[in-house]
């Protein structure tokens, strides 16, 4: 271990630099022997710049679909780079699906915990989005599909509420989240997932029929950002309403969801959240502050 403490980065600093949260870094180390840090006499993890670069390389492999369990041989040059598999996720997918079909709430939450510990947020969100889309297609062809959908919606909300409640002990910054109309299934849940796993506490307003209602918020809420999900029926009136809202708010206004690009084509007063955006990093960049 170098004697110069400035040569080290704490696990919190590494998490901010790479976007990989401390829970995931610990899971990578414990389960796969990846990014093994030095330790202080008190046991605190210390990382080097070289390990930050290694994390970036790991993320690049994950983005290409390589299973986390297959990354170490690639980093060490002991495997062919064209051997790409998402076996780890396939096993998690089977576990999530089986737990859902058998209405096993504890097993479902355990699989969600496992997935969120192994995969960084952009990869996790993409995988879960694909899983939910496939599951919706399966449910559409089943006689008990609506029953399963209702059960799964409740369980996912419950799991996310539990994760959000754990954040409160850290006094997180809050983000106002609001729908401006009906959304595609799972869209709002995936966005809320991104906020929670980025360390932000979502304050959900539900659905607001008219964007003008948001002008009544004034300066009362202490949010670090406002995230809106526009409706498919959004039009030029909606754009005008949101431009007025953006001018009145002291916080950044972000648009997310499938229909947000429809409004961005007509105005540049908003920030458009892309599907693969690190929401926490975007909010931090726009506000110039950490989420704590």
Foldseek 3Di string as FASTA:
>chain_A
DDPDLVQWDFQVRLCLVQVQHSLQVVCCCVPQVAQQADADPVGTGIHGPVSSVVSVVLVVLVVVQADSNPVVCVVVVNDDPVPGHNVVLVVLLVQCVVCLVVVPLVSNLVSVVVLPNNDRLLSSLVSVVVSVVVLLVVLVPDPCSVVSVVSVVVSLVVSLVVLLVVLVVVVWAEEEEEEQDDAPPCFVSSVSVLQSSLSYRYDYPYYDPALLVVVVCQPPDRHQEYEYEYDQPDDPVNLVSVLVVLVRDPHAYEYEHDRVVVSCVPDVSHHYDDSSDNVQVVSCVRNVDHGD
